[in-house]
Amino acid sequence: MSGNVALRNKQLTDYGTIMTTAVLTIYSGTPPANADAALSGNTALAAHTLAGFGSPSSGSMTANAIANDTIDATGTATFARLVAGSYTEQLAVGTSGTPVIVTTTSYVSGGTSQITSVTLTRGA
């Protein structure tokens, strides 16, 4: 399936409406096969509530500034799940080159989880 930029931007606009106040939970461990698969041996490290998204451009959309959160458990951040009601998206986490950019993937309980950006892209 493919679509032009206008269609991809419209899809992201609709997605952003659904995910306006979604919760982004950062996890450690091997990511499940997809967002429908159950978590298995994964630890929730921190949870951030989103404050909406900016307008999409060229098939990409970035979340508005995200407040820091206190880290709940110690571990290495490997993936995140963005959840709003029955909608879930699973995203890779890293310090660069991933949809969810964090300042560090080494999470220590009681520290601060800081998300630099969350960028969603819909391919052509």
PDB file of N, CA and C in Angstrom:
ATOM      1  N   MET A   1       0.845  -1.165   0.000  1.00  0.00           N
ATOM      2  CA  MET A   1       0.000   0.000   0.000  1.00  0.00           C
ATOM      3  C   MET A   1       0.896   1.235   0.000  1.00  0.00           C
ATOM      4  N   SER A   2       0.531   2.205  -0.800  1.00  0.00           N
ATOM      5  CA  SER A   2       1.277   3.451  -0.816  1.00  0.00           C
ATOM      6  C   SER A   2       0.305   4.605  -1.032  1.00  0.00           C
ATOM      7  N   GLY A   3       0.769   5.778  -0.738  1.00  0.00           N
ATOM      8  CA  GLY A   3      -0.064   6.954  -0.928  1.00  0.00           C
ATOM      9  C   GLY A   3       0.803   8.174  -1.120  1.00  0.00           C
ATOM     10  N   ASN A   4       0.225   9.205  -1.711  1.00  0.00           N
ATOM     11  CA  ASN A   4       0.991  10.427  -1.890  1.00  0.00           C
ATOM     12  C   ASN A   4       1.143  11.156  -0.562  1.00  0.00           C
ATOM     13  N   VAL A   5       1.914  12.226  -0.586  1.00  0.00           N
ATOM     14  CA  VAL A   5       2.193  12.973   0.638  1.00  0.00           C
ATOM     15  C   VAL A   5       0.910  13.494   1.274  1.00  0.00           C
ATOM     16  N   ALA A   6      -0.025  13.978   0.476  1.00  0.00           N
ATOM     17  CA  ALA A   6      -1.284  14.506   1.025  1.00  0.00           C
ATOM     18  C   ALA A   6      -2.034  13.430   1.806  1.00  0.00           C
ATOM     19  N   LEU A   7      -2.077  12.215   1.269  1.00  0.00           N
ATOM     20  CA  LEU A   7      -2.754  11.119   1.959  1.00  0.00           C
ATOM     21  C   LEU A   7      -2.016  10.740   3.241  1.00  0.00           C
ATOM     22  N   ARG A   8      -0.699  10.637   3.174  1.00  0.00           N
ATOM     23  CA  ARG A   8       0.077  10.286   4.374  1.00  0.00           C
ATOM     24  C   ARG A   8      -0.098  11.350   5.456  1.00  0.00           C
ATOM     25  N   ASN A   9      -0.095  12.619   5.065  1.00  0.00           N
ATOM     26  CA  ASN A   9      -0.295  13.685   6.044  1.00  0.00           C
ATOM     27  C   ASN A   9      -1.691  13.618   6.658  1.00  0.00           C
ATOM     28  N   LYS A  10      -2.703  13.301   5.854  1.00  0.00           N
ATOM     29  CA  LYS A  10      -4.076  13.167   6.371  1.00  0.00           C
ATOM     30  C   LYS A  10      -4.154  12.011   7.360  1.00  0.00           C
ATOM     31  N   GLN A  11      -3.511  10.880   7.036  1.00  0.00           N
ATOM     32  CA  GLN A  11      -3.492   9.742   7.953  1.00  0.00           C
ATOM     33  C   GLN A  11      -2.839  10.131   9.275  1.00  0.00           C
ATOM     34  N   LEU A  12      -1.743  10.873   9.205  1.00  0.00           N
ATOM     35  CA  LEU A  12      -1.064  11.304  10.427  1.00  0.00           C
ATOM     36  C   LEU A  12      -1.901  12.302  11.216  1.00  0.00           C
ATOM     37  N   THR A  13      -2.604  13.183  10.538  1.00  0.00           N
ATOM     38  CA  THR A  13      -3.491  14.129  11.231  1.00  0.00           C
ATOM     39  C   THR A  13      -4.559  13.371  12.012  1.00  0.00           C
ATOM     40  N   ASP A  14      -5.173  12.383  11.377  1.00  0.00           N
ATOM     41  CA  ASP A  14      -6.189  11.567  12.054  1.00  0.00           C
ATOM     42  C   ASP A  14      -5.568  10.801  13.223  1.00  0.00           C
ATOM     43  N   TYR A  15      -4.407  10.246  13.009  1.00  0.00           N
ATOM     44  CA  TYR A  15      -3.687   9.506  14.048  1.00  0.00           C
ATOM     45  C   TYR A  15      -3.394  10.444  15.228  1.00  0.00           C
ATOM     46  N   GLY A  16      -2.900  11.647  14.920  1.00  0.00           N
ATOM     47  CA  GLY A  16      -2.591  12.610  15.974  1.00  0.00           C
ATOM     48  C   GLY A  16      -3.792  12.976  16.802  1.00  0.00           C
ATOM     49  N   THR A  17      -4.961  13.037  16.174  1.00  0.00           N
ATOM     50  CA  THR A  17      -6.200  13.321  16.901  1.00  0.00           C
ATOM     51  C   THR A  17      -6.502  12.211  17.901  1.00  0.00           C
ATOM     52  N   ILE A  18      -6.333  10.973  17.476  1.00  0.00           N
ATOM     53  CA  ILE A  18      -6.572   9.824  18.363  1.00  0.00           C
ATOM     54  C   ILE A  18      -5.567   9.806  19.512  1.00  0.00           C
ATOM     55  N   MET A  19      -4.305  10.100  19.216  1.00  0.00           N
ATOM     56  CA  MET A  19      -3.221   9.943  20.187  1.00  0.00           C
ATOM     57  C   MET A  19      -2.874  11.235  20.939  1.00  0.00           C
ATOM     58  N   THR A  20      -3.748  12.221  20.913  1.00  0.00           N
ATOM     59  CA  THR A  20      -3.458  13.525  21.516  1.00  0.00           C
ATOM     60  C   THR A  20      -2.933  13.417  22.941  1.00  0.00           C
ATOM     61  N   THR A  21      -3.580  12.646  23.779  1.00  0.00           N
ATOM     62  CA  THR A  21      -3.138  12.511  25.176  1.00  0.00           C
ATOM     63  C   THR A  21      -2.769  11.065  25.496  1.00  0.00           C
ATOM     64  N   ALA A  22      -2.204  10.387  24.519  1.00  0.00           N
ATOM     65  CA  ALA A  22      -1.789   8.990  24.719  1.00  0.00           C
ATOM     66  C   ALA A  22      -0.661   8.918  25.745  1.00  0.00           C
ATOM     67  N   VAL A  23      -0.487   7.734  26.303  1.00  0.00           N
ATOM     68  CA  VAL A  23       0.615   7.485  27.229  1.00  0.00           C
ATOM     69  C   VAL A  23       1.687   6.696  26.500  1.00  0.00           C
ATOM     70  N   LEU A  24       2.913   7.198  26.565  1.00  0.00           N
ATOM     71  CA  LEU A  24       4.067   6.537  25.971  1.00  0.00           C
ATOM     72  C   LEU A  24       4.844   5.882  27.102  1.00  0.00           C
ATOM     73  N   THR A  25       4.826   4.547  27.132  1.00  0.00           N
ATOM     74  CA  THR A  25       5.540   3.805  28.166  1.00  0.00           C
ATOM     75  C   THR A  25       6.812   3.230  27.571  1.00  0.00           C
ATOM     76  N   ILE A  26       7.925   3.476  28.244  1.00  0.00           N
ATOM     77  CA  ILE A  26       9.231   2.987  27.832  1.00  0.00           C
ATOM     78  C   ILE A  26       9.479   1.649  28.525  1.00  0.00           C
ATOM     79  N   TYR A  27       9.911   0.641  27.752  1.00  0.00           N
ATOM     80  CA  TYR A  27      10.130  -0.704  28.285  1.00  0.00           C
ATOM     81  C   TYR A  27      11.562  -1.177  28.059  1.00  0.00           C
ATOM     82  N   SER A  28      11.967  -2.143  28.863  1.00  0.00           N
ATOM     83  CA  SER A  28      13.233  -2.854  28.652  1.00  0.00           C
ATOM     84  C   SER A  28      12.904  -4.243  28.110  1.00  0.00           C
ATOM     85  N   GLY A  29      13.922  -4.938  27.649  1.00  0.00           N
ATOM     86  CA  GLY A  29      13.750  -6.307  27.182  1.00  0.00           C
ATOM     87  C   GLY A  29      13.521  -6.392  25.691  1.00  0.00           C
ATOM     88  N   THR A  30      13.380  -7.615  25.214  1.00  0.00           N
ATOM     89  CA  THR A  30      13.155  -7.856  23.793  1.00  0.00           C
ATOM     90  C   THR A  30      11.756  -7.391  23.411  1.00  0.00           C
ATOM     91  N   PRO A  31      11.661  -6.531  22.396  1.00  0.00           N
ATOM     92  CA  PRO A  31      10.338  -6.066  21.990  1.00  0.00           C
ATOM     93  C   PRO A  31       9.480  -7.224  21.467  1.00  0.00           C
ATOM     94  N   PRO A  32       8.198  -7.247  21.799  1.00  0.00           N
ATOM     95  CA  PRO A  32       7.291  -8.239  21.209  1.00  0.00           C
ATOM     96  C   PRO A  32       7.257  -8.080  19.686  1.00  0.00           C
ATOM     97  N   ALA A  33       6.771  -9.077  18.994  1.00  0.00           N
ATOM     98  CA  ALA A  33       6.748  -9.086  17.531  1.00  0.00           C
ATOM     99  C   ALA A  33       6.013  -7.894  16.939  1.00  0.00           C
ATOM    100  N   ASN A  34       4.969  -7.423  17.619  1.00  0.00           N
ATOM    101  CA  ASN A  34       4.192  -6.272  17.143  1.00  0.00           C
ATOM    102  C   ASN A  34       3.371  -5.713  18.304  1.00  0.00           C
ATOM    103  N   ALA A  35       2.628  -4.660  18.048  1.00  0.00           N
ATOM    104  CA  ALA A  35       1.865  -3.988  19.100  1.00  0.00           C
ATOM    105  C   ALA A  35       0.710  -4.820  19.643  1.00  0.00           C
ATOM    106  N   ASP A  36       0.279  -5.853  18.893  1.00  0.00           N
ATOM    107  CA  ASP A  36      -0.795  -6.725  19.370  1.00  0.00           C
ATOM    108  C   ASP A  36      -0.284  -7.856  20.251  1.00  0.00           C
ATOM    109  N   ALA A  37       1.009  -8.140  20.180  1.00  0.00           N
ATOM    110  CA  ALA A  37       1.593  -9.231  20.966  1.00  0.00           C
ATOM    111  C   ALA A  37       1.716  -8.821  22.430  1.00  0.00           C
ATOM    112  N   ALA A  38       1.527  -9.789  23.305  1.00  0.00           N
ATOM    113  CA  ALA A  38       1.611  -9.529  24.738  1.00  0.00           C
ATOM    114  C   ALA A  38       3.054  -9.234  25.147  1.00  0.00           C
ATOM    115  N   LEU A  39       3.195  -8.436  26.184  1.00  0.00           N
ATOM    116  CA  LEU A  39       4.507  -8.210  26.770  1.00  0.00           C
ATOM    117  C   LEU A  39       4.960  -9.516  27.411  1.00  0.00           C
ATOM    118  N   SER A  40       6.261  -9.788  27.371  1.00  0.00           N
ATOM    119  CA  SER A  40       6.776 -11.036  27.928  1.00  0.00           C
ATOM    120  C   SER A  40       8.138 -10.776  28.555  1.00  0.00           C
ATOM    121  N   GLY A  41       8.163 -10.659  29.871  1.00  0.00           N
ATOM    122  CA  GLY A  41       9.415 -10.405  30.562  1.00  0.00           C
ATOM    123  C   GLY A  41       9.911  -8.973  30.398  1.00  0.00           C
ATOM    124  N   ASN A  42       9.041  -8.088  29.937  1.00  0.00           N
ATOM    125  CA  ASN A  42       9.416  -6.687  29.762  1.00  0.00           C
ATOM    126  C   ASN A  42       9.084  -5.905  31.022  1.00  0.00           C
ATOM    127  N   THR A  43       9.916  -4.917  31.327  1.00  0.00           N
ATOM    128  CA  THR A  43       9.694  -4.075  32.494  1.00  0.00           C
ATOM    129  C   THR A  43       9.378  -2.659  32.047  1.00  0.00           C
ATOM    130  N   ALA A  44       8.303  -2.102  32.581  1.00  0.00           N
ATOM    131  CA  ALA A  44       7.968  -0.698  32.315  1.00  0.00           C
ATOM    132  C   ALA A  44       8.941   0.174  33.105  1.00  0.00           C
ATOM    133  N   LEU A  45       9.684   1.011  32.393  1.00  0.00           N
ATOM    134  CA  LEU A  45      10.689   1.850  33.032  1.00  0.00           C
ATOM    135  C   LEU A  45      10.156   3.233  33.383  1.00  0.00           C
ATOM    136  N   ALA A  46       9.339   3.804  32.514  1.00  0.00           N
ATOM    137  CA  ALA A  46       8.784   5.146  32.733  1.00  0.00           C
ATOM    138  C   ALA A  46       7.582   5.321  31.824  1.00  0.00           C
ATOM    139  N   ALA A  47       6.684   6.234  32.204  1.00  0.00           N
ATOM    140  CA  ALA A  47       5.498   6.506  31.392  1.00  0.00           C
ATOM    141  C   ALA A  47       5.315   8.014  31.268  1.00  0.00           C
ATOM    142  N   HIS A  48       5.142   8.473  30.031  1.00  0.00           N
ATOM    143  CA  HIS A  48       4.978   9.892  29.729  1.00  0.00           C
ATOM    144  C   HIS A  48       3.625  10.107  29.054  1.00  0.00           C
ATOM    145  N   THR A  49       2.908  11.149  29.454  1.00  0.00           N
ATOM    146  CA  THR A  49       1.664  11.499  28.782  1.00  0.00           C
ATOM    147  C   THR A  49       1.975  12.541  27.710  1.00  0.00           C
ATOM    148  N   LEU A  50       1.523  12.273  26.498  1.00  0.00           N
ATOM    149  CA  LEU A  50       1.769  13.193  25.396  1.00  0.00           C
ATOM    150  C   LEU A  50       0.867  14.418  25.493  1.00  0.00           C
ATOM    151  N   ALA A  51       1.296  15.465  24.805  1.00  0.00           N
ATOM    152  CA  ALA A  51       0.523  16.713  24.744  1.00  0.00           C
ATOM    153  C   ALA A  51       0.252  17.059  23.284  1.00  0.00           C
ATOM    154  N   GLY A  52      -0.142  16.051  22.515  1.00  0.00           N
ATOM    155  CA  GLY A  52      -0.479  16.269  21.121  1.00  0.00           C
ATOM    156  C   GLY A  52       0.717  16.245  20.195  1.00  0.00           C
ATOM    157  N   PHE A  53       0.438  16.512  18.918  1.00  0.00           N
ATOM    158  CA  PHE A  53       1.443  16.487  17.862  1.00  0.00           C
ATOM    159  C   PHE A  53       1.377  17.768  17.057  1.00  0.00           C
ATOM    160  N   GLY A  54       2.493  18.107  16.439  1.00  0.00           N
ATOM    161  CA  GLY A  54       2.515  19.209  15.494  1.00  0.00           C
ATOM    162  C   GLY A  54       1.861  18.772  14.189  1.00  0.00           C
ATOM    163  N   SER A  55       1.732  19.683  13.268  1.00  0.00           N
ATOM    164  CA  SER A  55       1.139  19.373  11.965  1.00  0.00           C
ATOM    165  C   SER A  55       2.088  18.492  11.161  1.00  0.00           C
ATOM    166  N   PRO A  56       1.548  17.499  10.451  1.00  0.00           N
ATOM    167  CA  PRO A  56       2.402  16.641   9.642  1.00  0.00           C
ATOM    168  C   PRO A  56       2.958  17.375   8.425  1.00  0.00           C
ATOM    169  N   SER A  57       4.129  16.923   7.999  1.00  0.00           N
ATOM    170  CA  SER A  57       4.770  17.477   6.813  1.00  0.00           C
ATOM    171  C   SER A  57       5.563  16.373   6.138  1.00  0.00           C
ATOM    172  N   SER A  58       5.386  16.215   4.862  1.00  0.00           N
ATOM    173  CA  SER A  58       6.139  15.226   4.074  1.00  0.00           C
ATOM    174  C   SER A  58       6.013  13.812   4.640  1.00  0.00           C
ATOM    175  N   GLY A  59       4.866  13.501   5.234  1.00  0.00           N
ATOM    176  CA  GLY A  59       4.631  12.162   5.747  1.00  0.00           C
ATOM    177  C   GLY A  59       5.212  11.888   7.119  1.00  0.00           C
ATOM    178  N   SER A  60       5.625  12.929   7.847  1.00  0.00           N
ATOM    179  CA  SER A  60       6.159  12.782   9.207  1.00  0.00           C
ATOM    180  C   SER A  60       5.472  13.767  10.143  1.00  0.00           C
ATOM    181  N   MET A  61       5.420  13.396  11.423  1.00  0.00           N
ATOM    182  CA  MET A  61       4.773  14.234  12.433  1.00  0.00           C
ATOM    183  C   MET A  61       5.518  14.040  13.750  1.00  0.00           C
ATOM    184  N   THR A  62       5.780  15.135  14.453  1.00  0.00           N
ATOM    185  CA  THR A  62       6.528  15.090  15.707  1.00  0.00           C
ATOM    186  C   THR A  62       5.632  15.500  16.868  1.00  0.00           C
ATOM    187  N   ALA A  63       5.777  14.781  17.979  1.00  0.00           N
ATOM    188  CA  ALA A  63       5.002  15.103  19.181  1.00  0.00           C
ATOM    189  C   ALA A  63       5.427  16.459  19.726  1.00  0.00           C
ATOM    190  N   ASN A  64       4.475  17.141  20.346  1.00  0.00           N
ATOM    191  CA  ASN A  64       4.790  18.374  21.072  1.00  0.00           C
ATOM    192  C   ASN A  64       5.710  18.012  22.238  1.00  0.00           C
ATOM    193  N   ALA A  65       6.266  19.013  22.887  1.00  0.00           N
ATOM    194  CA  ALA A  65       7.172  18.782  24.014  1.00  0.00           C
ATOM    195  C   ALA A  65       6.539  17.810  25.016  1.00  0.00           C
ATOM    196  N   ILE A  66       7.348  16.904  25.523  1.00  0.00           N
ATOM    197  CA  ILE A  66       6.883  15.865  26.439  1.00  0.00           C
ATOM    198  C   ILE A  66       7.544  16.073  27.798  1.00  0.00           C
ATOM    199  N   ALA A  67       6.728  16.124  28.843  1.00  0.00           N
ATOM    200  CA  ALA A  67       7.247  16.330  30.193  1.00  0.00           C
ATOM    201  C   ALA A  67       8.093  15.134  30.638  1.00  0.00           C
ATOM    202  N   ASN A  68       9.114  15.425  31.429  1.00  0.00           N
ATOM    203  CA  ASN A  68       9.944  14.367  31.994  1.00  0.00           C
ATOM    204  C   ASN A  68       9.129  13.522  32.960  1.00  0.00           C
ATOM    205  N   ASP A  69       9.642  12.331  33.269  1.00  0.00           N
ATOM    206  CA  ASP A  69       8.985  11.437  34.219  1.00  0.00           C
ATOM    207  C   ASP A  69      10.053  10.825  35.111  1.00  0.00           C
ATOM    208  N   THR A  70       9.669  10.481  36.329  1.00  0.00           N
ATOM    209  CA  THR A  70      10.574   9.771  37.222  1.00  0.00           C
ATOM    210  C   THR A  70      10.635   8.306  36.804  1.00  0.00           C
ATOM    211  N   ILE A  71      11.832   7.779  36.703  1.00  0.00           N
ATOM    212  CA  ILE A  71      12.038   6.393  36.285  1.00  0.00           C
ATOM    213  C   ILE A  71      11.575   5.462  37.398  1.00  0.00           C
ATOM    214  N   ASP A  72      10.763   4.464  37.019  1.00  0.00           N
ATOM    215  CA  ASP A  72      10.175   3.534  37.987  1.00  0.00           C
ATOM    216  C   ASP A  72      11.022   2.294  38.242  1.00  0.00           C
ATOM    217  N   ALA A  73      11.861   1.906  37.279  1.00  0.00           N
ATOM    218  CA  ALA A  73      12.649   0.685  37.410  1.00  0.00           C
ATOM    219  C   ALA A  73      13.964   0.840  36.659  1.00  0.00           C
ATOM    220  N   THR A  74      14.930   0.053  37.028  1.00  0.00           N
ATOM    221  CA  THR A  74      16.235   0.085  36.378  1.00  0.00           C
ATOM    222  C   THR A  74      16.265  -0.899  35.219  1.00  0.00           C
ATOM    223  N   GLY A  75      16.823  -0.468  34.082  1.00  0.00           N
ATOM    224  CA  GLY A  75      16.938  -1.343  32.924  1.00  0.00           C
ATOM    225  C   GLY A  75      17.380  -0.559  31.707  1.00  0.00           C
ATOM    226  N   THR A  76      17.528  -1.255  30.589  1.00  0.00           N
ATOM    227  CA  THR A  76      17.915  -0.631  29.325  1.00  0.00           C
ATOM    228  C   THR A  76      16.674  -0.433  28.462  1.00  0.00           C
ATOM    229  N   ALA A  77      16.403   0.801  28.097  1.00  0.00           N
ATOM    230  CA  ALA A  77      15.235   1.126  27.272  1.00  0.00           C
ATOM    231  C   ALA A  77      15.444   0.582  25.862  1.00  0.00           C
ATOM    232  N   THR A  78      14.491  -0.240  25.381  1.00  0.00           N
ATOM    233  CA  THR A  78      14.625  -0.838  24.055  1.00  0.00           C
ATOM    234  C   THR A  78      13.447  -0.523  23.134  1.00  0.00           C
ATOM    235  N   PHE A  79      12.273  -0.302  23.702  1.00  0.00           N
ATOM    236  CA  PHE A  79      11.104   0.011  22.887  1.00  0.00           C
ATOM    237  C   PHE A  79      10.073   0.737  23.738  1.00  0.00           C
ATOM    238  N   ALA A  80       9.070   1.269  23.058  1.00  0.00           N
ATOM    239  CA  ALA A  80       7.995   1.973  23.756  1.00  0.00           C
ATOM    240  C   ALA A  80       6.668   1.571  23.141  1.00  0.00           C
ATOM    241  N   ARG A  81       5.629   1.713  23.919  1.00  0.00           N
ATOM    242  CA  ARG A  81       4.268   1.545  23.408  1.00  0.00           C
ATOM    243  C   ARG A  81       3.505   2.831  23.668  1.00  0.00           C
ATOM    244  N   LEU A  82       2.882   3.303  22.618  1.00  0.00           N
ATOM    245  CA  LEU A  82       2.046   4.498  22.669  1.00  0.00           C
ATOM    246  C   LEU A  82       0.612   3.997  22.694  1.00  0.00           C
ATOM    247  N   VAL A  83      -0.117   4.299  23.780  1.00  0.00           N
ATOM    248  CA  VAL A  83      -1.456   3.732  23.975  1.00  0.00           C
ATOM    249  C   VAL A  83      -2.475   4.834  24.238  1.00  0.00           C
ATOM    250  N   ALA A  84      -3.573   4.761  23.491  1.00  0.00           N
ATOM    251  CA  ALA A  84      -4.739   5.625  23.698  1.00  0.00           C
ATOM    252  C   ALA A  84      -5.962   4.735  23.555  1.00  0.00           C
ATOM    253  N   GLY A  85      -6.603   4.429  24.663  1.00  0.00           N
ATOM    254  CA  GLY A  85      -7.769   3.535  24.622  1.00  0.00           C
ATOM    255  C   GLY A  85      -7.375   2.179  24.077  1.00  0.00           C
ATOM    256  N   SER A  86      -8.054   1.723  23.031  1.00  0.00           N
ATOM    257  CA  SER A  86      -7.771   0.408  22.456  1.00  0.00           C
ATOM    258  C   SER A  86      -6.703   0.469  21.358  1.00  0.00           C
ATOM    259  N   TYR A  87      -6.137   1.655  21.113  1.00  0.00           N
ATOM    260  CA  TYR A  87      -5.125   1.831  20.073  1.00  0.00           C
ATOM    261  C   TYR A  87      -3.724   1.757  20.667  1.00  0.00           C
ATOM    262  N   THR A  88      -2.876   0.950  20.053  1.00  0.00           N
ATOM    263  CA  THR A  88      -1.495   0.794  20.516  1.00  0.00           C
ATOM    264  C   THR A  88      -0.548   0.810  19.330  1.00  0.00           C
ATOM    265  N   GLU A  89       0.544   1.542  19.477  1.00  0.00           N
ATOM    266  CA  GLU A  89       1.619   1.497  18.491  1.00  0.00           C
ATOM    267  C   GLU A  89       2.905   1.198  19.243  1.00  0.00           C
ATOM    268  N   GLN A  90       3.718   0.322  18.680  1.00  0.00           N
ATOM    269  CA  GLN A  90       4.998  -0.034  19.273  1.00  0.00           C
ATOM    270  C   GLN A  90       6.104   0.645  18.474  1.00  0.00           C
ATOM    271  N   LEU A  91       7.025   1.287  19.185  1.00  0.00           N
ATOM    272  CA  LEU A  91       8.064   2.089  18.554  1.00  0.00           C
ATOM    273  C   LEU A  91       9.440   1.757  19.127  1.00  0.00           C
ATOM    274  N   ALA A  92      10.451   1.804  18.289  1.00  0.00           N
ATOM    275  CA  ALA A  92      11.827   1.616  18.746  1.00  0.00           C
ATOM    276  C   ALA A  92      12.269   2.837  19.547  1.00  0.00           C
ATOM    277  N   VAL A  93      13.164   2.614  20.513  1.00  0.00           N
ATOM    278  CA  VAL A  93      13.702   3.668  21.361  1.00  0.00           C
ATOM    279  C   VAL A  93      15.221   3.675  21.224  1.00  0.00           C
ATOM    280  N   GLY A  94      15.800   4.842  21.177  1.00  0.00           N
ATOM    281  CA  GLY A  94      17.254   4.967  21.132  1.00  0.00           C
ATOM    282  C   GLY A  94      17.668   6.404  21.357  1.00  0.00           C
ATOM    283  N   THR A  95      18.963   6.651  21.269  1.00  0.00           N
ATOM    284  CA  THR A  95      19.465   8.014  21.439  1.00  0.00           C
ATOM    285  C   THR A  95      19.594   8.733  20.101  1.00  0.00           C
ATOM    286  N   SER A  96      19.377   8.006  19.005  1.00  0.00           N
ATOM    287  CA  SER A  96      19.331   8.614  17.668  1.00  0.00           C
ATOM    288  C   SER A  96      18.806   7.573  16.684  1.00  0.00           C
ATOM    289  N   GLY A  97      18.253   8.041  15.578  1.00  0.00           N
ATOM    290  CA  GLY A  97      17.842   7.158  14.501  1.00  0.00           C
ATOM    291  C   GLY A  97      16.643   6.269  14.764  1.00  0.00           C
ATOM    292  N   THR A  98      15.859   6.556  15.785  1.00  0.00           N
ATOM    293  CA  THR A  98      14.661   5.778  16.105  1.00  0.00           C
ATOM    294  C   THR A  98      13.467   6.725  16.245  1.00  0.00           C
ATOM    295  N   PRO A  99      12.248   6.198  16.176  1.00  0.00           N
ATOM    296  CA  PRO A  99      11.081   7.082  16.346  1.00  0.00           C
ATOM    297  C   PRO A  99      11.029   7.782  17.708  1.00  0.00           C
ATOM    298  N   VAL A 100      11.466   7.086  18.758  1.00  0.00           N
ATOM    299  CA  VAL A 100      11.488   7.686  20.096  1.00  0.00           C
ATOM    300  C   VAL A 100      12.950   7.930  20.471  1.00  0.00           C
ATOM    301  N   ILE A 101      13.302   9.205  20.640  1.00  0.00           N
ATOM    302  CA  ILE A 101      14.667   9.577  21.006  1.00  0.00           C
ATOM    303  C   ILE A 101      14.684   9.970  22.483  1.00  0.00           C
ATOM    304  N   VAL A 102      15.541   9.290  23.242  1.00  0.00           N
ATOM    305  CA  VAL A 102      15.716   9.577  24.670  1.00  0.00           C
ATOM    306  C   VAL A 102      17.149  10.058  24.896  1.00  0.00           C
ATOM    307  N   THR A 103      17.381  10.705  26.028  1.00  0.00           N
ATOM    308  CA  THR A 103      18.725  11.213  26.306  1.00  0.00           C
ATOM    309  C   THR A 103      19.694  10.093  26.640  1.00  0.00           C
ATOM    310  N   THR A 104      19.187   9.006  27.203  1.00  0.00           N
ATOM    311  CA  THR A 104      19.994   7.831  27.502  1.00  0.00           C
ATOM    312  C   THR A 104      19.076   6.614  27.524  1.00  0.00           C
ATOM    313  N   THR A 105      19.613   5.459  27.150  1.00  0.00           N
ATOM    314  CA  THR A 105      18.825   4.228  27.235  1.00  0.00           C
ATOM    315  C   THR A 105      19.095   3.489  28.541  1.00  0.00           C
ATOM    316  N   SER A 106      20.024   3.991  29.350  1.00  0.00           N
ATOM    317  CA  SER A 106      20.339   3.393  30.651  1.00  0.00           C
ATOM    318  C   SER A 106      19.463   4.049  31.713  1.00  0.00           C
ATOM    319  N   TYR A 107      18.389   3.378  32.058  1.00  0.00           N
ATOM    320  CA  TYR A 107      17.440   3.909  33.028  1.00  0.00           C
ATOM    321  C   TYR A 107      17.771   3.384  34.422  1.00  0.00           C
ATOM    322  N   VAL A 108      17.774   4.309  35.404  1.00  0.00           N
ATOM    323  CA  VAL A 108      18.049   3.953  36.793  1.00  0.00           C
ATOM    324  C   VAL A 108      16.880   4.444  37.634  1.00  0.00           C
ATOM    325  N   SER A 109      16.297   3.536  38.400  1.00  0.00           N
ATOM    326  CA  SER A 109      15.146   3.857  39.233  1.00  0.00           C
ATOM    327  C   SER A 109      15.390   5.125  40.046  1.00  0.00           C
ATOM    328  N   GLY A 110      14.414   6.029  40.013  1.00  0.00           N
ATOM    329  CA  GLY A 110      14.504   7.293  40.742  1.00  0.00           C
ATOM    330  C   GLY A 110      15.101   8.417  39.929  1.00  0.00           C
ATOM    331  N   GLY A 111      15.722   8.085  38.793  1.00  0.00           N
ATOM    332  CA  GLY A 111      16.292   9.109  37.916  1.00  0.00           C
ATOM    333  C   GLY A 111      15.210   9.761  37.075  1.00  0.00           C
ATOM    334  N   THR A 112      15.629  10.480  36.057  1.00  0.00           N
ATOM    335  CA  THR A 112      14.690  11.199  35.201  1.00  0.00           C
ATOM    336  C   THR A 112      14.700  10.628  33.796  1.00  0.00           C
ATOM    337  N   SER A 113      13.512  10.287  33.310  1.00  0.00           N
ATOM    338  CA  SER A 113      13.338   9.855  31.928  1.00  0.00           C
ATOM    339  C   SER A 113      13.029  11.092  31.116  1.00  0.00           C
ATOM    340  N   GLN A 114      13.883  11.367  30.129  1.00  0.00           N
ATOM    341  CA  GLN A 114      13.696  12.552  29.290  1.00  0.00           C
ATOM    342  C   GLN A 114      13.628  12.124  27.834  1.00  0.00           C
ATOM    343  N   ILE A 115      12.515  12.465  27.196  1.00  0.00           N
ATOM    344  CA  ILE A 115      12.316  12.153  25.781  1.00  0.00           C
ATOM    345  C   ILE A 115      12.641  13.406  24.982  1.00  0.00           C
ATOM    346  N   THR A 116      13.572  13.263  24.049  1.00  0.00           N
ATOM    347  CA  THR A 116      13.962  14.378  23.197  1.00  0.00           C
ATOM    348  C   THR A 116      12.937  14.595  22.101  1.00  0.00           C
ATOM    349  N   SER A 117      12.453  13.484  21.492  1.00  0.00           N
ATOM    350  CA  SER A 117      11.436  13.614  20.460  1.00  0.00           C
ATOM    351  C   SER A 117      10.749  12.282  20.199  1.00  0.00           C
ATOM    352  N   VAL A 118       9.543  12.384  19.672  1.00  0.00           N
ATOM    353  CA  VAL A 118       8.798  11.242  19.140  1.00  0.00           C
ATOM    354  C   VAL A 118       8.348  11.658  17.756  1.00  0.00           C
ATOM    355  N   THR A 119       8.835  10.948  16.739  1.00  0.00           N
ATOM    356  CA  THR A 119       8.496  11.269  15.370  1.00  0.00           C
ATOM    357  C   THR A 119       7.856  10.053  14.708  1.00  0.00           C
ATOM    358  N   LEU A 120       6.693  10.264  14.134  1.00  0.00           N
ATOM    359  CA  LEU A 120       5.979   9.207  13.434  1.00  0.00           C
ATOM    360  C   LEU A 120       6.049   9.489  11.939  1.00  0.00           C
ATOM    361  N   THR A 121       6.340   8.457  11.166  1.00  0.00           N
ATOM    362  CA  THR A 121       6.474   8.600   9.729  1.00  0.00           C
ATOM    363  C   THR A 121       5.628   7.545   9.038  1.00  0.00           C
ATOM    364  N   ARG A 122       4.941   7.948   8.003  1.00  0.00           N
ATOM    365  CA  ARG A 122       4.187   7.027   7.173  1.00  0.00           C
ATOM    366  C   ARG A 122       4.850   7.004   5.816  1.00  0.00           C
ATOM    367  N   GLY A 123       5.306   5.829   5.401  1.00  0.00           N
ATOM    368  CA  GLY A 123       6.071   5.688   4.159  1.00  0.00           C
ATOM    369  C   GLY A 123       5.235   5.863   2.918  1.00  0.00           C
ATOM    370  N   ALA A 124       5.928   6.147   1.831  1.00  0.00           N
ATOM    371  CA  ALA A 124       5.268   6.331   0.530  1.00  0.00           C
ATOM    372  C   ALA A 124       4.795   5.006  -0.016  1.00  0.00           C
TER     373      ALA A 124
END
